[in-house]
Amino acid sequence: MTIREVEEKDLQGLLQLYTQLHDNSMPELNEELYSLWKQILSDHNHHILIGCQEDTIIASCVVIIVPNLTHNQRPYALIENVITDERFRNRGYGTQLLNAAKAIALKENCYKIMIMTGSKKESTLNFYEKAGYNRKDKTAFIQWLP
């Protein structure tokens, strides 16, 4: 698997992979979606990493760098939308992506990386712990908005 940052041409393949994330449906490719895509691509703090085999996207995660006024003004990183195509799971690809995300956070001088999962499956929680994350230091709360 080759890991790289997403490029403009990768939109359709990424959206196809995202259909396996929380049962997302394939969105309509319209002007509003393309405008959002261009906004994401132009944001230097928004990184979408993809793992590819040949020309197929088989894994991805998003890394957001958040500027910060605390911790000596060091930013922090948020990781979201971690997904590996179900046909390619349990081969270490997700771990490779998380390591690439960590490299971005280190390069940006982040003092921490945060990741949340909605999964209660012990195998998923163990996956994140083996990647160096812990579930003991913080408690996450979510408020879903309409």
Foldseek 3Di string as FASTA:
>chain_A
DDKDWDDLVCVQLVLVQCCPPVNDDRDDPDPVVSVVVVVQVVDPQWTKMFDDDPPHTFWIKIKGWAFDDPPVRQTEIEIDDTGGHPVDPPPCPSLVRVVVSVVVSVVSRHPYYDYDDPDPDPVVVVVVVVSPDDDPPDDDDDDDDD
